[in-house]
Amino acid sequence: MTYPPLEPYTYSAPHHTGAAPEVFSPPHETPPQPPPRPMVFWNVLLFVLTGFTTLAAGWYNAFRFLFQEEMAETFKPETLPVALLSYFIAISPYLLRGLLSPIVWLNGVLFSFSILLILGCHELGHYLTCRRYGVDATLPYFLPFPSIVGTMGAFIRIRSPIPTRKILFDIGVAGPIAGFVVAVPIAFLGLAQSTVIRTADTGSIMVFGEPLVMAWMRSVLFGPLPADSVLFIHPMAFAGWFGFLATAFNLLPVGQLDGGHMLYACMGNAYRWVGRAVFVVALVLSLWWPGWLLWCVIFALMGFRHPRVQYSEEPLDGRRLLVACFGLAMLVLTFIPVPVWFVE
């Protein structure tokens, strides 16, 4: 908070007849300095690096999507070389065609743009809400990572205390809503370009679990799939799928996740029992997907307590409680108990 500089004032001595008013000025004060400009070097560098890694991942996913059926006709599962070097030599003509194909690169760019847009909108939802309430926060930091997605997500750092539970709730819920709203049309447009393939023609393939929102989209676009078929999703649909997965993980009511902020704002300290219950559920789900074990480690490192806000007595109003119900609905629609498995 800043205060305006003191103005000179006058003081007249009442017993000095005819004396001119005396003017007193406060001691010289250094004018308030503007806040330092934020350092954005790392934000920009990580964003650019994430652009490259997501583009590489997008090219790979587009290559698989566009050449999968053609390669399946040429290489039957039982004839594919087992050794990694021999496998790449066998498919090298397709890799060269993919590297020279504008369509593959275009779809790779669409994937990269979709991923960055979903993550960027999510984090900007947090950042702009912090700015609205005067809470000091950094610009988003993107996390590049060489994988089939190309990133581990993004985050912002909040560098000042959060005054009230209402402000904490608004900051926590703004990101998931922004990311979800952007991910829905991206996933729908991607699914509309996806294809149905027979599992018998592909050998061992990676299958991504469907959140309820994508299952509904698939049923609208394709209806029931045959028992021996799966939907081979377009790279844009994969970007939307990842956006839903990230939204669901962030909405889990544990620690410093967005769901943890929201539930603490709603329930106060009683929320930590919900976080412990989520930890137990994640342990059980790890029997079907080992990735949940990593999340259990993350939950344990974050802890199940939440830092107190400065003024915690004021409860949430009815409007925010309705938004909290919408946040719960988003978690139900985007949650994937088993995100990945393989079909032989």
Protein backbone atom coordinates (compact mmCIF):
# COMPACT_ATOMS: atom_id res chain seq x y z
CA MET A 1 0.00 0.00 0.00
CA THR A 2 1.30 3.48 -0.85
CA TYR A 3 0.42 6.79 0.64
CA PRO A 4 0.49 10.19 -1.11
CA PRO A 5 3.32 12.60 -0.05
CA LEU A 6 2.48 15.12 2.66
CA GLU A 7 1.51 18.58 1.45
CA PRO A 8 2.85 21.81 3.07
CA TYR A 9 0.42 23.31 5.58
CA THR A 10 0.00 26.69 7.31
CA TYR A 11 -0.15 27.48 11.00
CA SER A 12 -1.18 30.89 12.38
CA ALA A 13 -0.23 31.89 15.94
CA PRO A 14 -3.43 33.44 17.37
CA HIS A 15 -1.65 35.79 19.83
CA HIS A 16 0.61 37.47 17.25
CA THR A 17 -1.49 40.27 15.87
CA GLY A 18 -0.42 41.35 12.46
CA ALA A 19 2.09 38.55 12.14
CA ALA A 20 2.22 36.83 8.82
CA PRO A 21 1.21 33.16 8.82
CA GLU A 22 4.14 30.84 9.17
CA VAL A 23 4.50 28.06 6.67
CA PHE A 24 5.92 24.76 7.86
CA SER A 25 6.97 21.98 5.52
CA PRO A 26 7.51 18.39 6.54
CA PRO A 27 11.06 17.06 6.38
CA HIS A 28 12.27 16.16 2.93
CA GLU A 29 11.17 12.67 2.01
CA THR A 30 12.36 10.52 -0.85
CA PRO A 31 9.44 10.05 -3.25
CA PRO A 32 8.16 6.48 -3.40
CA GLN A 33 9.96 4.42 -5.97
CA PRO A 34 8.03 2.34 -8.49
CA PRO A 35 8.21 -1.41 -7.90
CA PRO A 36 11.08 -3.13 -9.73
CA ARG A 37 10.27 -4.49 -13.13
CA PRO A 38 9.73 -8.25 -13.00
CA MET A 39 12.54 -10.42 -14.29
CA VAL A 40 11.05 -12.31 -17.22
CA PHE A 41 14.22 -13.89 -18.64
CA TRP A 42 13.54 -17.34 -17.20
CA ASN A 43 9.85 -17.15 -18.03
CA VAL A 44 10.62 -16.41 -21.68
CA LEU A 45 13.46 -18.95 -21.92
CA LEU A 46 11.40 -21.78 -20.43
CA PHE A 47 8.45 -20.88 -22.64
CA VAL A 48 10.62 -21.02 -25.77
CA LEU A 49 12.19 -24.33 -24.71
CA THR A 50 8.74 -25.75 -23.99
CA GLY A 51 7.66 -24.60 -27.44
CA PHE A 52 10.46 -26.69 -28.96
CA THR A 53 9.83 -29.78 -26.83
CA THR A 54 6.07 -29.70 -27.44
CA LEU A 55 6.69 -29.21 -31.17
CA ALA A 56 8.94 -32.29 -31.19
CA ALA A 57 6.27 -34.23 -29.29
CA GLY A 58 3.63 -32.91 -31.68
CA TRP A 59 5.64 -34.05 -34.71
CA TYR A 60 5.98 -37.54 -33.18
CA ASN A 61 2.26 -37.80 -32.41
CA ALA A 62 1.32 -36.49 -35.87
CA PHE A 63 3.72 -38.95 -37.51
CA ARG A 64 2.16 -41.86 -35.63
CA PHE A 65 -1.35 -40.65 -36.42
CA LEU A 66 -0.77 -40.17 -40.15
CA PHE A 67 1.43 -43.22 -40.82
CA GLN A 68 0.08 -45.76 -38.32
CA GLU A 69 -2.27 -47.58 -40.68
CA GLU A 70 0.16 -47.56 -43.61
CA MET A 71 2.96 -48.92 -41.43
CA ALA A 72 0.61 -51.53 -39.96
CA GLU A 73 -0.10 -52.82 -43.47
CA THR A 74 3.61 -53.01 -44.29
CA PHE A 75 4.88 -54.36 -40.97
CA LYS A 76 2.75 -56.98 -39.28
CA PRO A 77 3.30 -57.13 -35.52
CA GLU A 78 5.06 -60.49 -35.72
CA THR A 79 7.49 -59.25 -38.42
CA LEU A 80 8.65 -56.04 -36.72
CA PRO A 81 12.29 -56.22 -35.53
CA VAL A 82 12.67 -56.46 -31.76
CA ALA A 83 16.04 -54.68 -31.54
CA LEU A 84 15.66 -50.90 -31.33
CA LEU A 85 18.28 -50.12 -34.00
CA SER A 86 16.83 -52.65 -36.43
CA TYR A 87 13.36 -51.25 -35.80
CA PHE A 88 14.42 -47.70 -36.68
CA ILE A 89 16.25 -48.91 -39.79
CA ALA A 90 13.08 -50.71 -40.89
CA ILE A 91 10.86 -47.65 -40.47
CA SER A 92 13.44 -45.09 -41.63
CA PRO A 93 11.71 -44.50 -45.01
CA TYR A 94 8.56 -43.47 -43.12
CA LEU A 95 10.56 -41.26 -40.74
CA LEU A 96 12.12 -39.47 -43.71
CA ARG A 97 8.72 -38.93 -45.29
CA GLY A 98 7.44 -37.59 -41.98
CA LEU A 99 10.33 -35.15 -41.64
CA LEU A 100 9.66 -33.83 -45.16
CA SER A 101 5.87 -33.74 -44.84
CA PRO A 102 4.26 -30.30 -44.30
CA ILE A 103 1.08 -32.02 -43.07
CA VAL A 104 2.97 -33.77 -40.27
CA TRP A 105 4.64 -30.53 -39.21
CA LEU A 106 1.35 -28.62 -39.40
CA ASN A 107 -0.31 -31.11 -37.08
CA GLY A 108 2.72 -30.97 -34.82
CA VAL A 109 2.38 -27.19 -34.62
CA LEU A 110 -1.34 -27.55 -33.81
CA PHE A 111 -0.46 -29.92 -30.98
CA SER A 112 2.21 -27.58 -29.57
CA PHE A 113 -0.06 -24.54 -29.86
CA SER A 114 -2.94 -26.38 -28.18
CA ILE A 115 -0.79 -27.56 -25.25
CA LEU A 116 0.72 -24.11 -24.68
CA LEU A 117 -2.69 -22.45 -24.97
CA ILE A 118 -4.33 -24.74 -22.40
CA LEU A 119 -1.47 -24.47 -19.91
CA GLY A 120 -1.04 -20.75 -20.54
CA CYS A 121 -4.72 -19.96 -19.99
CA HIS A 122 -4.71 -22.05 -16.80
CA GLU A 123 -1.76 -20.18 -15.31
CA LEU A 124 -2.88 -16.77 -16.58
CA GLY A 125 -6.19 -17.39 -14.81
CA HIS A 126 -4.24 -17.57 -11.55
CA TYR A 127 -1.92 -14.70 -12.44
CA LEU A 128 -4.59 -12.22 -13.52
CA THR A 129 -6.70 -12.99 -10.44
CA CYS A 130 -3.65 -12.30 -8.27
CA ARG A 131 -3.19 -8.98 -10.06
CA ARG A 132 -6.86 -8.15 -9.53
CA TYR A 133 -6.49 -8.51 -5.75
CA GLY A 134 -3.02 -7.00 -5.46
CA VAL A 135 -1.34 -10.32 -4.59
CA ASP A 136 2.28 -10.45 -5.75
CA ALA A 137 2.81 -13.34 -8.17
CA THR A 138 5.24 -14.23 -10.94
CA LEU A 139 4.43 -14.77 -14.57
CA PRO A 140 3.99 -18.44 -15.55
CA TYR A 141 6.99 -20.76 -15.62
CA PHE A 142 6.64 -23.50 -18.25
CA LEU A 143 8.43 -26.81 -17.71
CA PRO A 144 9.93 -28.40 -20.87
CA PHE A 145 10.35 -32.15 -20.75
CA PRO A 146 11.22 -34.59 -23.57
CA SER A 147 8.25 -36.96 -23.69
CA ILE A 148 5.21 -37.72 -25.83
CA VAL A 149 3.66 -34.53 -24.41
CA GLY A 150 6.77 -32.34 -24.34
CA THR A 151 6.12 -30.68 -20.99
CA MET A 152 5.54 -31.29 -17.32
CA GLY A 153 3.10 -28.39 -17.06
CA ALA A 154 3.50 -24.84 -15.79
CA PHE A 155 3.19 -22.92 -12.54
CA ILE A 156 3.30 -19.46 -10.98
CA ARG A 157 4.86 -18.43 -7.65
CA ILE A 158 2.82 -16.38 -5.21
CA ARG A 159 5.22 -14.15 -3.28
CA SER A 160 2.96 -12.35 -0.82
CA PRO A 161 0.41 -13.48 1.79
CA ILE A 162 -3.16 -14.04 0.63
CA PRO A 163 -5.48 -11.84 2.71
CA THR A 164 -8.80 -13.73 2.86
CA ARG A 165 -10.39 -17.08 2.12
CA LYS A 166 -12.48 -15.48 -0.62
CA ILE A 167 -9.38 -14.23 -2.43
CA LEU A 168 -7.68 -17.62 -1.96
CA PHE A 169 -10.70 -19.36 -3.46
CA ASP A 170 -10.89 -17.01 -6.44
CA ILE A 171 -7.18 -17.46 -7.20
CA GLY A 172 -7.41 -21.25 -6.86
CA VAL A 173 -10.48 -21.77 -9.04
CA ALA A 174 -9.61 -19.30 -11.81
CA GLY A 175 -6.88 -21.50 -13.34
CA PRO A 176 -8.84 -24.76 -13.70
CA ILE A 177 -11.87 -22.95 -15.13
CA ALA A 178 -9.76 -21.11 -17.73
CA GLY A 179 -7.89 -24.25 -18.75
CA PHE A 180 -11.04 -26.37 -18.89
CA VAL A 181 -12.94 -23.86 -21.05
CA VAL A 182 -10.08 -23.84 -23.58
CA ALA A 183 -9.50 -27.62 -23.50
CA VAL A 184 -13.13 -28.49 -24.36
CA PRO A 185 -13.22 -27.08 -27.94
CA ILE A 186 -9.65 -28.26 -28.61
CA ALA A 187 -10.54 -31.81 -27.60
CA PHE A 188 -13.78 -31.75 -29.62
CA LEU A 189 -12.06 -30.49 -32.79
CA GLY A 190 -9.33 -33.09 -32.35
CA LEU A 191 -11.77 -35.94 -31.84
CA ALA A 192 -13.64 -34.91 -34.98
CA GLN A 193 -10.42 -35.62 -36.93
CA SER A 194 -9.65 -38.93 -35.17
CA THR A 195 -10.05 -42.38 -36.72
CA VAL A 196 -11.32 -45.76 -35.54
CA ILE A 197 -8.81 -48.61 -35.98
CA ARG A 198 -8.96 -52.35 -35.31
CA THR A 199 -6.66 -53.49 -32.52
CA ALA A 200 -5.88 -56.72 -34.41
CA ASP A 201 -4.09 -54.70 -37.09
CA THR A 202 -1.85 -52.69 -34.82
CA GLY A 203 -0.18 -55.07 -32.38
CA SER A 204 0.63 -53.62 -28.97
CA ILE A 205 -0.64 -50.05 -28.70
CA MET A 206 -0.86 -47.46 -25.94
CA VAL A 207 -4.45 -46.63 -24.96
CA PHE A 208 -5.35 -43.46 -23.08
CA GLY A 209 -8.13 -43.57 -20.52
CA GLU A 210 -11.15 -41.44 -21.30
CA PRO A 211 -12.45 -38.80 -18.92
CA LEU A 212 -16.22 -38.52 -18.87
CA VAL A 213 -16.19 -35.32 -20.88
CA MET A 214 -14.24 -36.95 -23.75
CA ALA A 215 -16.35 -40.13 -23.58
CA TRP A 216 -19.42 -37.96 -24.15
CA MET A 217 -17.74 -36.20 -27.09
CA ARG A 218 -16.73 -39.55 -28.61
CA SER A 219 -20.25 -40.93 -28.30
CA VAL A 220 -21.65 -37.84 -30.05
CA LEU A 221 -19.14 -38.05 -32.91
CA PHE A 222 -18.73 -41.82 -33.38
CA GLY A 223 -21.41 -43.64 -31.40
CA PRO A 224 -20.56 -47.02 -29.83
CA LEU A 225 -17.25 -48.47 -31.02
CA PRO A 226 -16.93 -52.14 -32.08
CA ALA A 227 -15.48 -54.42 -29.43
CA ASP A 228 -12.26 -55.02 -31.41
CA SER A 229 -11.65 -51.34 -32.19
CA VAL A 230 -10.21 -48.28 -30.49
CA LEU A 231 -10.24 -44.60 -31.34
CA PHE A 232 -6.85 -43.44 -32.61
CA ILE A 233 -6.93 -39.81 -31.54
CA HIS A 234 -5.63 -36.84 -33.50
CA PRO A 235 -2.77 -34.84 -31.93
CA MET A 236 -5.16 -31.99 -31.08
CA ALA A 237 -7.41 -34.44 -29.24
CA PHE A 238 -4.35 -35.71 -27.38
CA ALA A 239 -3.54 -32.13 -26.36
CA GLY A 240 -7.11 -31.74 -25.08
CA TRP A 241 -6.80 -35.06 -23.22
CA PHE A 242 -3.63 -33.83 -21.53
CA GLY A 243 -5.39 -30.58 -20.64
CA PHE A 244 -8.19 -32.53 -18.94
CA LEU A 245 -5.65 -34.71 -17.12
CA ALA A 246 -3.77 -31.64 -15.86
CA THR A 247 -7.06 -30.04 -14.78
CA ALA A 248 -8.05 -33.14 -12.82
CA PHE A 249 -4.67 -33.43 -11.10
CA ASN A 250 -4.77 -29.75 -10.13
CA LEU A 251 -8.29 -30.06 -8.75
CA LEU A 252 -7.35 -32.86 -6.33
CA PRO A 253 -8.01 -31.42 -2.84
CA VAL A 254 -4.51 -31.86 -1.43
CA GLY A 255 -1.84 -29.45 -0.17
CA GLN A 256 -0.89 -26.59 -2.49
CA LEU A 257 -2.82 -27.89 -5.50
CA ASP A 258 -5.68 -25.74 -6.78
CA GLY A 259 -8.20 -28.12 -5.26
CA GLY A 260 -6.39 -27.82 -1.94
CA HIS A 261 -6.69 -24.02 -2.05
CA MET A 262 -10.37 -24.24 -2.90
CA LEU A 263 -11.25 -26.80 -0.24
CA TYR A 264 -9.29 -24.95 2.46
CA ALA A 265 -11.19 -21.78 1.54
CA CYS A 266 -14.46 -23.72 1.89
CA MET A 267 -13.74 -25.84 4.98
CA GLY A 268 -10.78 -24.36 6.83
CA ASN A 269 -8.45 -26.76 8.64
CA ALA A 270 -10.94 -29.63 8.39
CA TYR A 271 -9.93 -30.01 4.75
CA ARG A 272 -6.74 -31.91 5.60
CA TRP A 273 -8.75 -35.06 6.36
CA VAL A 274 -10.01 -34.99 2.79
CA GLY A 275 -6.42 -34.74 1.57
CA ARG A 276 -5.48 -37.84 3.56
CA ALA A 277 -8.42 -39.71 2.04
CA VAL A 278 -7.25 -38.72 -1.45
CA PHE A 279 -3.80 -40.09 -0.58
CA VAL A 280 -5.32 -43.48 0.34
CA VAL A 281 -7.40 -43.57 -2.86
CA ALA A 282 -4.27 -42.80 -4.92
CA LEU A 283 -2.45 -45.68 -3.23
CA VAL A 284 -5.25 -48.06 -4.18
CA LEU A 285 -5.34 -46.78 -7.78
CA SER A 286 -1.59 -47.39 -8.08
CA LEU A 287 -2.44 -51.10 -8.34
CA TRP A 288 -3.78 -50.33 -11.85
CA TRP A 289 -1.52 -47.40 -12.81
CA PRO A 290 1.92 -47.05 -11.16
CA GLY A 291 1.96 -43.32 -11.88
CA TRP A 292 -0.25 -42.79 -8.84
CA LEU A 293 2.71 -43.78 -6.65
CA LEU A 294 4.55 -40.69 -7.90
CA TRP A 295 1.56 -38.59 -6.97
CA CYS A 296 1.55 -40.15 -3.50
CA VAL A 297 5.15 -39.01 -3.10
CA ILE A 298 4.17 -35.50 -4.24
CA PHE A 299 1.26 -35.45 -1.78
CA ALA A 300 3.54 -36.53 1.06
CA LEU A 301 6.13 -33.86 0.20
CA MET A 302 3.47 -31.12 0.04
CA GLY A 303 1.88 -32.21 3.30
CA PHE A 304 -1.77 -32.11 4.24
CA ARG A 305 -1.85 -28.72 5.95
CA HIS A 306 -2.49 -25.41 4.27
CA PRO A 307 -0.87 -22.06 5.17
CA ARG A 308 -3.33 -19.81 6.94
CA VAL A 309 -4.66 -16.72 5.21
CA GLN A 310 -4.33 -13.39 7.02
CA TYR A 311 -8.03 -13.06 7.84
CA SER A 312 -9.59 -16.52 7.97
CA GLU A 313 -12.79 -15.78 9.89
CA GLU A 314 -14.92 -14.62 6.95
CA PRO A 315 -16.73 -17.59 5.31
CA LEU A 316 -17.38 -17.94 1.61
CA ASP A 317 -20.58 -16.47 0.20
CA GLY A 318 -23.25 -18.45 -1.65
CA ARG A 319 -21.99 -17.47 -5.10
CA ARG A 320 -18.55 -18.87 -4.41
CA LEU A 321 -20.04 -22.05 -2.97
CA LEU A 322 -21.87 -22.54 -6.28
CA VAL A 323 -18.59 -22.05 -8.13
CA ALA A 324 -17.06 -24.65 -5.80
CA CYS A 325 -19.77 -27.09 -6.92
CA PHE A 326 -18.81 -26.36 -10.52
CA GLY A 327 -15.18 -27.08 -9.59
CA LEU A 328 -16.26 -30.46 -8.18
CA ALA A 329 -18.16 -31.15 -11.43
CA MET A 330 -15.01 -30.35 -13.43
CA LEU A 331 -13.06 -32.85 -11.32
CA VAL A 332 -15.66 -35.55 -11.96
CA LEU A 333 -15.73 -34.82 -15.71
CA THR A 334 -11.94 -34.78 -16.16
CA PHE A 335 -10.73 -37.40 -13.65
CA ILE A 336 -9.07 -40.48 -15.21
CA PRO A 337 -8.50 -43.34 -12.72
CA VAL A 338 -6.18 -45.22 -15.13
CA PRO A 339 -4.71 -42.70 -17.61
CA VAL A 340 -2.64 -45.15 -19.70
CA TRP A 341 -2.55 -48.87 -20.45
CA PHE A 342 -1.45 -51.15 -23.27
CA VAL A 343 -3.56 -53.37 -25.51
CA GLU A 344 -1.88 -56.40 -27.07
